[in-house]
């Protein structure tokens, strides 16, 4: 008997169709969301320029490229704790 894997997923929507972001257009977020039953598509909790700001901080040695991701932790924890 085949079993089904149940997955809880949050997909953060890329806020704007940025011309330079060829890897993460909004359509990709929407398509991933449509493929995962029960997923939630939400606006990201970080500012729109988070990647650029983190890139500058990384280059200056004052931060890490993925520092803005910690802003997603409360959203992810809340989602994981839902019944």
N, C-alpha and C. Protein backbone atom coordinates (compact mmCIF):
# COMPACT_ATOMS: atom_id res chain seq x y z
N UNK A 1 0.85 -1.18 0.00
CA UNK A 1 0.00 0.00 0.00
C UNK A 1 0.90 1.24 0.00
N UNK A 2 0.74 2.12 -0.97
CA UNK A 2 1.59 3.32 -1.02
C UNK A 2 1.26 4.27 0.13
N UNK A 3 2.28 4.87 0.67
CA UNK A 3 2.07 5.86 1.73
C UNK A 3 2.27 7.25 1.15
N UNK A 4 1.70 8.21 1.82
CA UNK A 4 1.82 9.60 1.37
C UNK A 4 2.60 10.38 2.40
N UNK A 5 3.47 11.19 1.93
CA UNK A 5 4.27 12.06 2.79
C UNK A 5 3.52 13.37 2.98
N UNK A 6 3.30 13.74 4.22
CA UNK A 6 2.65 15.02 4.50
C UNK A 6 3.72 16.03 4.85
N UNK A 7 3.65 17.18 4.22
CA UNK A 7 4.67 18.20 4.39
C UNK A 7 4.01 19.52 4.77
N UNK A 8 4.56 20.16 5.78
CA UNK A 8 4.15 21.52 6.11
C UNK A 8 5.16 22.45 5.45
N UNK A 9 4.67 23.40 4.68
CA UNK A 9 5.60 24.27 3.94
C UNK A 9 5.12 25.71 3.92
N UNK A 10 6.07 26.60 4.12
CA UNK A 10 5.84 28.03 3.94
C UNK A 10 6.67 28.43 2.74
N UNK A 11 6.07 29.15 1.84
CA UNK A 11 6.79 29.66 0.67
C UNK A 11 6.75 31.17 0.76
N UNK A 12 7.92 31.79 0.91
CA UNK A 12 7.99 33.24 0.98
C UNK A 12 7.95 33.81 -0.43
N UNK A 13 6.98 34.64 -0.69
CA UNK A 13 6.80 35.25 -2.00
C UNK A 13 7.87 36.29 -2.26
N UNK A 14 8.51 36.20 -3.41
CA UNK A 14 9.44 37.25 -3.82
C UNK A 14 8.58 38.49 -4.05
N UNK A 15 8.86 39.58 -3.36
CA UNK A 15 7.94 40.72 -3.34
C UNK A 15 7.74 41.45 -4.66
N UNK A 16 8.67 41.37 -5.55
CA UNK A 16 8.52 42.12 -6.80
C UNK A 16 9.22 41.38 -7.93
N UNK A 17 8.72 41.52 -9.13
CA UNK A 17 9.38 40.87 -10.27
C UNK A 17 10.67 41.61 -10.63
N UNK A 18 11.66 41.44 -9.80
CA UNK A 18 12.93 42.16 -9.99
C UNK A 18 13.64 41.63 -11.23
N UNK A 19 14.06 42.52 -12.07
CA UNK A 19 14.67 42.14 -13.34
C UNK A 19 15.97 41.37 -13.14
N UNK A 20 16.70 41.64 -12.05
CA UNK A 20 17.98 40.99 -11.85
C UNK A 20 17.87 39.64 -11.16
N UNK A 21 16.72 39.32 -10.61
CA UNK A 21 16.56 38.06 -9.88
C UNK A 21 15.96 36.99 -10.78
N UNK A 22 16.80 36.43 -11.63
CA UNK A 22 16.34 35.43 -12.58
C UNK A 22 16.02 34.10 -11.91
N UNK A 23 16.59 33.84 -10.73
CA UNK A 23 16.39 32.56 -10.06
C UNK A 23 15.13 32.50 -9.21
N UNK A 24 14.61 33.65 -8.81
CA UNK A 24 13.48 33.67 -7.88
C UNK A 24 12.36 34.62 -8.30
N UNK A 25 11.84 34.48 -9.50
CA UNK A 25 10.72 35.35 -9.86
C UNK A 25 9.47 34.97 -9.06
N UNK A 26 8.53 35.89 -8.88
CA UNK A 26 7.31 35.58 -8.13
C UNK A 26 6.60 34.33 -8.66
N UNK A 27 6.68 34.10 -9.95
CA UNK A 27 6.00 32.93 -10.53
C UNK A 27 6.54 31.63 -9.91
N UNK A 28 7.83 31.56 -9.63
CA UNK A 28 8.40 30.36 -9.03
C UNK A 28 7.76 30.10 -7.67
N UNK A 29 7.63 31.14 -6.85
CA UNK A 29 6.99 30.99 -5.54
C UNK A 29 5.56 30.50 -5.70
N UNK A 30 4.84 31.06 -6.63
CA UNK A 30 3.45 30.67 -6.83
C UNK A 30 3.32 29.23 -7.33
N UNK A 31 4.23 28.83 -8.21
CA UNK A 31 4.18 27.46 -8.73
C UNK A 31 4.54 26.44 -7.66
N UNK A 32 5.56 26.73 -6.86
CA UNK A 32 5.91 25.82 -5.76
C UNK A 32 4.73 25.72 -4.80
N UNK A 33 4.12 26.83 -4.48
CA UNK A 33 2.96 26.84 -3.58
C UNK A 33 1.84 25.97 -4.14
N UNK A 34 1.59 26.04 -5.43
CA UNK A 34 0.50 25.27 -6.02
C UNK A 34 0.78 23.76 -6.02
N UNK A 35 2.04 23.38 -5.91
CA UNK A 35 2.42 21.96 -5.95
C UNK A 35 2.40 21.29 -4.57
N UNK A 36 2.39 22.08 -3.50
CA UNK A 36 2.44 21.51 -2.16
C UNK A 36 1.10 21.76 -1.47
N UNK A 37 0.31 20.71 -1.35
CA UNK A 37 -0.99 20.82 -0.70
C UNK A 37 -0.82 21.29 0.74
N UNK A 38 -1.57 22.30 1.11
CA UNK A 38 -1.52 22.81 2.47
C UNK A 38 -0.42 23.82 2.72
N UNK A 39 0.36 24.16 1.69
CA UNK A 39 1.41 25.15 1.90
C UNK A 39 0.78 26.53 2.06
N UNK A 40 1.56 27.43 2.58
CA UNK A 40 1.09 28.79 2.77
C UNK A 40 2.06 29.73 2.06
N UNK A 41 1.53 30.59 1.21
CA UNK A 41 2.32 31.58 0.49
C UNK A 41 2.16 32.91 1.22
N UNK A 42 3.28 33.43 1.73
CA UNK A 42 3.21 34.66 2.52
C UNK A 42 4.28 35.64 2.04
N UNK A 43 4.08 36.89 2.40
CA UNK A 43 5.10 37.90 2.13
C UNK A 43 6.28 37.66 3.06
N UNK A 44 7.48 37.87 2.60
CA UNK A 44 8.64 37.64 3.46
C UNK A 44 8.71 38.65 4.60
N UNK A 45 9.25 38.24 5.75
CA UNK A 45 9.34 39.14 6.89
C UNK A 45 10.56 40.07 6.83
N UNK A 46 11.36 39.97 5.78
CA UNK A 46 12.53 40.84 5.64
C UNK A 46 12.24 41.92 4.61
N UNK A 47 12.97 43.03 4.64
CA UNK A 47 12.72 44.11 3.69
C UNK A 47 13.08 43.70 2.26
N UNK A 48 12.53 44.42 1.32
CA UNK A 48 12.72 44.11 -0.10
C UNK A 48 14.19 44.18 -0.51
N UNK A 49 14.98 45.02 0.13
CA UNK A 49 16.39 45.15 -0.23
C UNK A 49 17.31 44.32 0.67
N UNK A 50 16.77 43.31 1.33
CA UNK A 50 17.55 42.52 2.28
C UNK A 50 18.77 41.87 1.63
N UNK A 51 18.60 41.35 0.42
CA UNK A 51 19.72 40.66 -0.25
C UNK A 51 20.86 41.64 -0.55
N UNK A 52 20.49 42.83 -1.05
CA UNK A 52 21.52 43.82 -1.37
C UNK A 52 22.23 44.29 -0.11
N UNK A 53 21.47 44.55 0.95
CA UNK A 53 22.05 45.00 2.21
C UNK A 53 22.97 43.94 2.79
N UNK A 54 22.52 42.69 2.77
CA UNK A 54 23.35 41.59 3.29
C UNK A 54 24.59 41.38 2.42
N UNK A 55 24.45 41.57 1.12
CA UNK A 55 25.61 41.44 0.22
C UNK A 55 26.67 42.49 0.56
N UNK A 56 26.24 43.72 0.79
CA UNK A 56 27.18 44.78 1.16
C UNK A 56 27.84 44.48 2.51
N UNK A 57 27.06 44.00 3.47
CA UNK A 57 27.61 43.69 4.80
C UNK A 57 28.61 42.53 4.70
N UNK A 58 28.31 41.55 3.86
CA UNK A 58 29.23 40.43 3.67
C UNK A 58 30.54 40.92 3.06
N UNK A 59 30.43 41.75 2.05
CA UNK A 59 31.63 42.28 1.39
C UNK A 59 32.47 43.13 2.35
N UNK A 60 31.80 43.84 3.26
CA UNK A 60 32.50 44.71 4.21
C UNK A 60 33.02 43.93 5.42
N UNK A 61 32.63 42.66 5.52
CA UNK A 61 33.06 41.85 6.65
C UNK A 61 32.30 42.14 7.92
N UNK A 62 31.11 42.76 7.80
CA UNK A 62 30.32 43.13 8.98
C UNK A 62 29.06 42.28 9.12
N UNK A 63 28.89 41.30 8.27
CA UNK A 63 27.69 40.46 8.33
C UNK A 63 27.83 39.26 7.43
N UNK A 64 26.74 38.53 7.32
CA UNK A 64 26.70 37.33 6.50
C UNK A 64 25.53 37.45 5.52
N UNK A 65 25.67 36.83 4.38
CA UNK A 65 24.68 36.93 3.33
C UNK A 65 23.28 36.49 3.78
N UNK A 66 23.23 35.54 4.69
CA UNK A 66 21.93 35.01 5.11
C UNK A 66 21.46 35.57 6.45
N UNK A 67 22.05 36.64 6.94
CA UNK A 67 21.60 37.26 8.19
C UNK A 67 20.10 37.61 8.19
N UNK A 68 19.54 38.11 7.08
CA UNK A 68 18.11 38.45 7.11
C UNK A 68 17.18 37.25 7.34
N UNK A 69 17.69 36.06 7.10
CA UNK A 69 16.83 34.88 7.25
C UNK A 69 16.36 34.68 8.68
N UNK A 70 17.11 35.18 9.67
CA UNK A 70 16.67 35.03 11.06
C UNK A 70 15.32 35.71 11.28
N UNK A 71 14.99 36.69 10.45
CA UNK A 71 13.69 37.37 10.57
C UNK A 71 12.54 36.41 10.24
N UNK A 72 12.83 35.35 9.53
CA UNK A 72 11.81 34.35 9.20
C UNK A 72 11.56 33.35 10.31
N UNK A 73 12.46 33.26 11.29
CA UNK A 73 12.34 32.26 12.35
C UNK A 73 11.01 32.34 13.11
N UNK A 74 10.57 33.52 13.57
CA UNK A 74 9.29 33.56 14.30
C UNK A 74 8.12 33.07 13.45
N UNK A 75 8.10 33.41 12.18
CA UNK A 75 7.02 32.98 11.29
C UNK A 75 7.05 31.46 11.14
N UNK A 76 8.26 30.91 10.96
CA UNK A 76 8.38 29.46 10.79
C UNK A 76 8.01 28.72 12.09
N UNK A 77 8.45 29.23 13.23
CA UNK A 77 8.10 28.59 14.50
C UNK A 77 6.60 28.62 14.75
N UNK A 78 5.98 29.75 14.46
CA UNK A 78 4.53 29.86 14.63
C UNK A 78 3.82 28.86 13.72
N UNK A 79 4.27 28.74 12.50
CA UNK A 79 3.67 27.80 11.54
C UNK A 79 3.85 26.36 12.01
N UNK A 80 5.03 26.03 12.51
CA UNK A 80 5.29 24.66 12.96
C UNK A 80 4.48 24.29 14.20
N UNK A 81 4.13 25.28 15.01
CA UNK A 81 3.38 25.02 16.23
C UNK A 81 1.87 25.02 16.04
N UNK A 82 1.42 25.28 14.83
CA UNK A 82 -0.03 25.22 14.57
C UNK A 82 -0.49 23.78 14.60
N UNK A 83 -1.73 23.56 15.04
CA UNK A 83 -2.25 22.17 15.07
C UNK A 83 -2.41 21.59 13.67
